[in-house]
Amino acid sequence: MKSAVKTARRLLDALENFVAQERIMLRAGHYAQMAAVQRRAAPVIAALCQLGREPGVADLRDRVSDLLARRRENLSCLTERRTFLYEARERLAARRQRLQFLGSYRNPARLGNIKRLNAAV
């Protein structure tokens, strides 16, 4: 029983470190590194889930809840950032399309065709 609690505490320390690293990477805009930290944290979370069935480990539930809340906050911020970047990319694509359309009117070859059409009318 004692070793399960000690192991769970060590795993919680590691998970707390991972959650802090996620937050730092999120604030810095290093999303690929944040994903790498999340992949490294996955086995720790799986091990904690298995240890949760052991007696005495349930006393650490408050600490686990706090870490999960912080991790959900990180993921929520990441989702908001992804939405913002997606919308910005869509706005840029629309502007680029408009510029290409307007740029086609400056094309001398196209202007020649327009003049011929106007003369035919």
N, C-alpha and C. Protein backbone atom coordinates (compact mmCIF):
# COMPACT_ATOMS: atom_id res chain seq x y z
N MET A 1 0.82 -1.18 0.00
CA MET A 1 0.00 0.00 0.00
C MET A 1 0.87 1.25 0.00
N LYS A 2 1.90 1.24 0.81
CA LYS A 2 2.77 2.41 0.90
C LYS A 2 3.47 2.69 -0.42
N SER A 3 3.91 1.64 -1.10
CA SER A 3 4.62 1.85 -2.36
C SER A 3 3.68 2.40 -3.44
N ALA A 4 2.42 1.99 -3.42
CA ALA A 4 1.47 2.51 -4.40
C ALA A 4 1.24 4.00 -4.18
N VAL A 5 1.16 4.42 -2.93
CA VAL A 5 0.96 5.84 -2.62
C VAL A 5 2.20 6.63 -3.02
N LYS A 6 3.39 6.08 -2.71
CA LYS A 6 4.63 6.77 -3.08
C LYS A 6 4.74 6.88 -4.60
N THR A 7 4.41 5.81 -5.29
CA THR A 7 4.46 5.83 -6.76
C THR A 7 3.48 6.85 -7.30
N ALA A 8 2.28 6.87 -6.73
CA ALA A 8 1.26 7.82 -7.19
C ALA A 8 1.72 9.26 -6.95
N ARG A 9 2.37 9.51 -5.83
CA ARG A 9 2.87 10.87 -5.55
C ARG A 9 3.97 11.25 -6.55
N ARG A 10 4.85 10.32 -6.85
CA ARG A 10 5.91 10.60 -7.84
C ARG A 10 5.29 10.88 -9.21
N LEU A 11 4.31 10.08 -9.57
CA LEU A 11 3.64 10.29 -10.86
C LEU A 11 2.90 11.62 -10.89
N LEU A 12 2.31 11.99 -9.76
CA LEU A 12 1.62 13.28 -9.69
C LEU A 12 2.62 14.44 -9.80
N ASP A 13 3.80 14.27 -9.19
CA ASP A 13 4.85 15.29 -9.35
C ASP A 13 5.24 15.44 -10.82
N ALA A 14 5.40 14.30 -11.49
CA ALA A 14 5.76 14.32 -12.91
C ALA A 14 4.64 14.97 -13.73
N LEU A 15 3.40 14.62 -13.43
CA LEU A 15 2.27 15.19 -14.17
C LEU A 15 2.17 16.69 -13.92
N GLU A 16 2.43 17.11 -12.71
CA GLU A 16 2.41 18.53 -12.40
C GLU A 16 3.48 19.27 -13.22
N ASN A 17 4.63 18.65 -13.36
CA ASN A 17 5.70 19.22 -14.19
C ASN A 17 5.25 19.30 -15.66
N PHE A 18 4.62 18.25 -16.15
CA PHE A 18 4.14 18.26 -17.53
C PHE A 18 3.09 19.34 -17.76
N VAL A 19 2.19 19.51 -16.82
CA VAL A 19 1.14 20.53 -16.95
C VAL A 19 1.77 21.92 -16.98
N ALA A 20 2.79 22.14 -16.13
CA ALA A 20 3.48 23.43 -16.13
C ALA A 20 4.21 23.65 -17.46
N GLN A 21 4.82 22.61 -17.99
CA GLN A 21 5.50 22.72 -19.29
C GLN A 21 4.50 23.03 -20.41
N GLU A 22 3.33 22.39 -20.35
CA GLU A 22 2.29 22.66 -21.34
C GLU A 22 1.92 24.14 -21.33
N ARG A 23 1.75 24.68 -20.14
CA ARG A 23 1.34 26.09 -20.00
C ARG A 23 2.42 27.01 -20.57
N ILE A 24 3.68 26.71 -20.29
CA ILE A 24 4.79 27.52 -20.80
C ILE A 24 4.82 27.46 -22.32
N MET A 25 4.69 26.26 -22.87
CA MET A 25 4.72 26.11 -24.33
C MET A 25 3.53 26.81 -24.98
N LEU A 26 2.39 26.75 -24.34
CA LEU A 26 1.19 27.41 -24.87
C LEU A 26 1.37 28.92 -24.91
N ARG A 27 1.88 29.48 -23.82
CA ARG A 27 2.09 30.93 -23.77
C ARG A 27 3.14 31.39 -24.78
N ALA A 28 4.14 30.54 -25.02
CA ALA A 28 5.20 30.89 -25.97
C ALA A 28 4.78 30.65 -27.41
N GLY A 29 3.67 29.94 -27.62
CA GLY A 29 3.22 29.64 -28.97
C GLY A 29 3.94 28.47 -29.61
N HIS A 30 4.55 27.63 -28.80
CA HIS A 30 5.26 26.44 -29.29
C HIS A 30 4.31 25.25 -29.22
N TYR A 31 3.43 25.16 -30.20
CA TYR A 31 2.36 24.17 -30.16
C TYR A 31 2.87 22.76 -30.44
N ALA A 32 3.87 22.62 -31.27
CA ALA A 32 4.43 21.29 -31.55
C ALA A 32 5.10 20.73 -30.29
N GLN A 33 5.83 21.59 -29.57
CA GLN A 33 6.45 21.12 -28.33
C GLN A 33 5.40 20.81 -27.27
N MET A 34 4.30 21.55 -27.28
CA MET A 34 3.22 21.27 -26.34
C MET A 34 2.63 19.90 -26.61
N ALA A 35 2.46 19.58 -27.88
CA ALA A 35 1.94 18.25 -28.25
C ALA A 35 2.93 17.17 -27.81
N ALA A 36 4.22 17.43 -27.92
CA ALA A 36 5.22 16.46 -27.49
C ALA A 36 5.14 16.24 -25.98
N VAL A 37 4.93 17.30 -25.23
CA VAL A 37 4.78 17.18 -23.77
C VAL A 37 3.53 16.36 -23.45
N GLN A 38 2.46 16.59 -24.19
CA GLN A 38 1.23 15.83 -23.95
C GLN A 38 1.44 14.34 -24.24
N ARG A 39 2.20 14.04 -25.28
CA ARG A 39 2.48 12.63 -25.57
C ARG A 39 3.31 12.00 -24.46
N ARG A 40 4.25 12.76 -23.90
CA ARG A 40 5.06 12.22 -22.80
C ARG A 40 4.24 12.06 -21.52
N ALA A 41 3.21 12.89 -21.36
CA ALA A 41 2.37 12.82 -20.16
C ALA A 41 1.36 11.67 -20.22
N ALA A 42 1.04 11.19 -21.40
CA ALA A 42 0.01 10.16 -21.55
C ALA A 42 0.31 8.89 -20.75
N PRO A 43 1.54 8.33 -20.77
CA PRO A 43 1.78 7.13 -19.97
C PRO A 43 1.69 7.39 -18.46
N VAL A 44 2.04 8.61 -18.05
CA VAL A 44 1.94 8.96 -16.62
C VAL A 44 0.48 8.96 -16.20
N ILE A 45 -0.37 9.51 -17.05
CA ILE A 45 -1.80 9.53 -16.74
C ILE A 45 -2.37 8.12 -16.71
N ALA A 46 -1.94 7.28 -17.65
CA ALA A 46 -2.41 5.89 -17.68
C ALA A 46 -1.98 5.15 -16.41
N ALA A 47 -0.75 5.37 -15.98
CA ALA A 47 -0.27 4.71 -14.75
C ALA A 47 -1.03 5.21 -13.53
N LEU A 48 -1.33 6.49 -13.50
CA LEU A 48 -2.12 7.04 -12.38
C LEU A 48 -3.52 6.45 -12.36
N CYS A 49 -4.10 6.24 -13.52
CA CYS A 49 -5.43 5.63 -13.58
C CYS A 49 -5.41 4.22 -13.01
N GLN A 50 -4.37 3.48 -13.31
CA GLN A 50 -4.26 2.12 -12.77
C GLN A 50 -4.04 2.14 -11.26
N LEU A 51 -3.23 3.08 -10.80
CA LEU A 51 -2.97 3.17 -9.36
C LEU A 51 -4.17 3.69 -8.58
N GLY A 52 -5.09 4.33 -9.25
CA GLY A 52 -6.26 4.88 -8.58
C GLY A 52 -7.11 3.82 -7.91
N ARG A 53 -6.96 2.58 -8.34
CA ARG A 53 -7.73 1.48 -7.73
C ARG A 53 -7.11 0.98 -6.44
N GLU A 54 -5.86 1.35 -6.20
CA GLU A 54 -5.16 0.87 -5.01
C GLU A 54 -5.65 1.62 -3.77
N PRO A 55 -5.68 0.92 -2.63
CA PRO A 55 -6.11 1.60 -1.39
C PRO A 55 -5.09 2.66 -0.97
N GLY A 56 -5.57 3.76 -0.46
CA GLY A 56 -4.70 4.84 -0.01
C GLY A 56 -4.43 5.89 -1.08
N VAL A 57 -4.53 5.52 -2.31
CA VAL A 57 -4.27 6.45 -3.41
C VAL A 57 -5.45 7.41 -3.58
N ALA A 58 -6.61 6.99 -3.16
CA ALA A 58 -7.81 7.83 -3.29
C ALA A 58 -7.67 9.12 -2.48
N ASP A 59 -6.78 9.14 -1.48
CA ASP A 59 -6.56 10.35 -0.69
C ASP A 59 -5.93 11.47 -1.52
N LEU A 60 -5.34 11.12 -2.64
CA LEU A 60 -4.69 12.10 -3.50
C LEU A 60 -5.65 12.69 -4.54
N ARG A 61 -6.90 12.37 -4.42
CA ARG A 61 -7.91 12.77 -5.40
C ARG A 61 -7.99 14.28 -5.60
N ASP A 62 -7.84 15.06 -4.51
CA ASP A 62 -7.93 16.52 -4.63
C ASP A 62 -6.79 17.07 -5.50
N ARG A 63 -5.61 16.53 -5.31
CA ARG A 63 -4.46 16.97 -6.11
C ARG A 63 -4.66 16.60 -7.58
N VAL A 64 -5.19 15.42 -7.82
CA VAL A 64 -5.46 14.99 -9.20
C VAL A 64 -6.50 15.90 -9.83
N SER A 65 -7.54 16.23 -9.09
CA SER A 65 -8.59 17.11 -9.61
C SER A 65 -8.03 18.48 -9.97
N ASP A 66 -7.15 19.01 -9.12
CA ASP A 66 -6.53 20.30 -9.39
C ASP A 66 -5.69 20.25 -10.67
N LEU A 67 -4.91 19.18 -10.83
CA LEU A 67 -4.09 19.04 -12.04
C LEU A 67 -4.95 18.89 -13.29
N LEU A 68 -6.02 18.13 -13.17
CA LEU A 68 -6.91 17.96 -14.32
C LEU A 68 -7.59 19.27 -14.71
N ALA A 69 -7.94 20.07 -13.72
CA ALA A 69 -8.56 21.37 -14.00
C ALA A 69 -7.56 22.28 -14.72
N ARG A 70 -6.31 22.29 -14.28
CA ARG A 70 -5.29 23.10 -14.94
C ARG A 70 -5.03 22.61 -16.36
N ARG A 71 -5.05 21.31 -16.54
CA ARG A 71 -4.82 20.74 -17.87
C ARG A 71 -6.00 21.08 -18.80
N ARG A 72 -7.22 21.01 -18.29
CA ARG A 72 -8.39 21.40 -19.09
C ARG A 72 -8.30 22.87 -19.49
N GLU A 73 -7.81 23.69 -18.58
CA GLU A 73 -7.64 25.11 -18.89
C GLU A 73 -6.63 25.30 -20.03
N ASN A 74 -5.53 24.55 -19.96
CA ASN A 74 -4.53 24.61 -21.04
C ASN A 74 -5.14 24.20 -22.37
N LEU A 75 -5.89 23.11 -22.36
CA LEU A 75 -6.51 22.62 -23.60
C LEU A 75 -7.56 23.60 -24.12
N SER A 76 -8.28 24.24 -23.21
CA SER A 76 -9.26 25.24 -23.62
C SER A 76 -8.58 26.43 -24.29
N CYS A 77 -7.48 26.89 -23.70
CA CYS A 77 -6.71 27.99 -24.31
C CYS A 77 -6.18 27.58 -25.67
N LEU A 78 -5.73 26.33 -25.79
CA LEU A 78 -5.21 25.85 -27.07
C LEU A 78 -6.32 25.81 -28.12
N THR A 79 -7.50 25.40 -27.72
CA THR A 79 -8.64 25.36 -28.64
C THR A 79 -9.01 26.78 -29.09
N GLU A 80 -9.01 27.72 -28.16
CA GLU A 80 -9.31 29.11 -28.52
C GLU A 80 -8.26 29.65 -29.49
N ARG A 81 -7.01 29.35 -29.23
CA ARG A 81 -5.92 29.83 -30.10
C ARG A 81 -6.04 29.21 -31.49
N ARG A 82 -6.36 27.92 -31.54
CA ARG A 82 -6.51 27.25 -32.83
C ARG A 82 -7.67 27.86 -33.62
N THR A 83 -8.76 28.16 -32.96
CA THR A 83 -9.91 28.79 -33.62
C THR A 83 -9.53 30.17 -34.16
N PHE A 84 -8.82 30.94 -33.34
CA PHE A 84 -8.38 32.26 -33.77
C PHE A 84 -7.48 32.17 -35.00
N LEU A 85 -6.51 31.25 -34.96
CA LEU A 85 -5.59 31.11 -36.09
C LEU A 85 -6.30 30.61 -37.34
N TYR A 86 -7.27 29.71 -37.18
CA TYR A 86 -8.03 29.23 -38.33
C TYR A 86 -8.81 30.37 -38.98
N GLU A 87 -9.46 31.19 -38.14
CA GLU A 87 -10.23 32.32 -38.67
C GLU A 87 -9.32 33.34 -39.35
N ALA A 88 -8.14 33.57 -38.77
CA ALA A 88 -7.19 34.49 -39.38
C ALA A 88 -6.71 33.96 -40.73
N ARG A 89 -6.47 32.67 -40.80
CA ARG A 89 -6.06 32.07 -42.07
C ARG A 89 -7.15 32.20 -43.12
N GLU A 90 -8.40 32.02 -42.72
CA GLU A 90 -9.52 32.17 -43.65
C GLU A 90 -9.64 33.61 -44.14
N ARG A 91 -9.44 34.57 -43.23
CA ARG A 91 -9.49 35.98 -43.64
C ARG A 91 -8.37 36.30 -44.63
N LEU A 92 -7.18 35.78 -44.37
CA LEU A 92 -6.06 36.01 -45.28
C LEU A 92 -6.31 35.37 -46.65
N ALA A 93 -6.89 34.19 -46.66
CA ALA A 93 -7.18 33.53 -47.93
C ALA A 93 -8.21 34.34 -48.72
N ALA A 94 -9.21 34.88 -48.05
CA ALA A 94 -10.22 35.70 -48.73
C ALA A 94 -9.59 36.97 -49.29
N ARG A 95 -8.71 37.60 -48.51
CA ARG A 95 -8.03 38.81 -49.00
C ARG A 95 -7.14 38.50 -50.19
N ARG A 96 -6.44 37.40 -50.12
CA ARG A 96 -5.57 37.01 -51.23
C ARG A 96 -6.39 36.78 -52.50
N GLN A 97 -7.52 36.14 -52.33
CA GLN A 97 -8.39 35.89 -53.48
C GLN A 97 -8.89 37.20 -54.08
N ARG A 98 -9.28 38.16 -53.22
CA ARG A 98 -9.73 39.46 -53.72
C ARG A 98 -8.60 40.20 -54.44
N LEU A 99 -7.40 40.13 -53.86
CA LEU A 99 -6.26 40.79 -54.50
C LEU A 99 -5.93 40.17 -55.85
N GLN A 100 -6.03 38.86 -55.94
CA GLN A 100 -5.77 38.21 -57.23
C GLN A 100 -6.82 38.62 -58.25
N PHE A 101 -8.06 38.74 -57.81
CA PHE A 101 -9.14 39.16 -58.70
C PHE A 101 -8.90 40.58 -59.18
N LEU A 102 -8.57 41.48 -58.23
CA LEU A 102 -8.32 42.86 -58.60
C LEU A 102 -7.04 42.99 -59.42
N GLY A 103 -6.07 42.16 -59.14
CA GLY A 103 -4.82 42.18 -59.90
C GLY A 103 -5.03 41.77 -61.34
N SER A 104 -6.01 40.96 -61.60
CA SER A 104 -6.26 40.54 -62.98
C SER A 104 -6.71 41.72 -63.84
N TYR A 105 -7.26 42.78 -63.26
CA TYR A 105 -7.65 43.96 -64.02
C TYR A 105 -6.45 44.80 -64.40
N ARG A 106 -5.33 44.60 -63.71
CA ARG A 106 -4.11 45.34 -64.05
C ARG A 106 -3.29 44.60 -65.09
N ASN A 107 -3.68 43.42 -65.41
CA ASN A 107 -2.96 42.62 -66.40
C ASN A 107 -3.18 43.24 -67.77
N PRO A 108 -2.12 43.66 -68.46
CA PRO A 108 -2.30 44.32 -69.77
C PRO A 108 -2.97 43.41 -70.79
N ALA A 109 -2.68 42.15 -70.77
CA ALA A 109 -3.30 41.24 -71.74
C ALA A 109 -4.82 41.22 -71.54
N ARG A 110 -5.22 41.23 -70.30
CA ARG A 110 -6.66 41.21 -70.03
C ARG A 110 -7.30 42.55 -70.41
N LEU A 111 -6.60 43.63 -70.17
CA LEU A 111 -7.15 44.94 -70.54
C LEU A 111 -7.36 45.05 -72.04
N GLY A 112 -6.46 44.44 -72.80
CA GLY A 112 -6.64 44.45 -74.25
C GLY A 112 -7.93 43.77 -74.65
N ASN A 113 -8.26 42.67 -74.01
CA ASN A 113 -9.50 41.97 -74.31
C ASN A 113 -10.72 42.81 -73.94
N ILE A 114 -10.61 43.55 -72.86
CA ILE A 114 -11.74 44.38 -72.42
C ILE A 114 -11.94 45.51 -73.43
N LYS A 115 -10.86 46.11 -73.92
CA LYS A 115 -10.99 47.19 -74.88
C LYS A 115 -11.64 46.68 -76.16
N ARG A 116 -11.24 45.50 -76.62
CA ARG A 116 -11.84 44.95 -77.83
C ARG A 116 -13.32 44.69 -77.62
N LEU A 117 -13.68 44.21 -76.43
CA LEU A 117 -15.10 43.96 -76.15
C LEU A 117 -15.88 45.28 -76.15
N ASN A 118 -15.29 46.31 -75.57
CA ASN A 118 -15.97 47.61 -75.53
C ASN A 118 -16.14 48.18 -76.93
N ALA A 119 -15.16 47.96 -77.80
CA ALA A 119 -15.24 48.48 -79.16
C ALA A 119 -16.32 47.74 -79.96
N ALA A 120 -16.55 46.49 -79.63
CA ALA A 120 -17.53 45.69 -80.35
C ALA A 120 -18.93 46.11 -79.98
N VAL A 121 -19.10 46.69 -78.82
CA VAL A 121 -20.45 47.07 -78.36
C VAL A 121 -20.80 48.35 -78.96
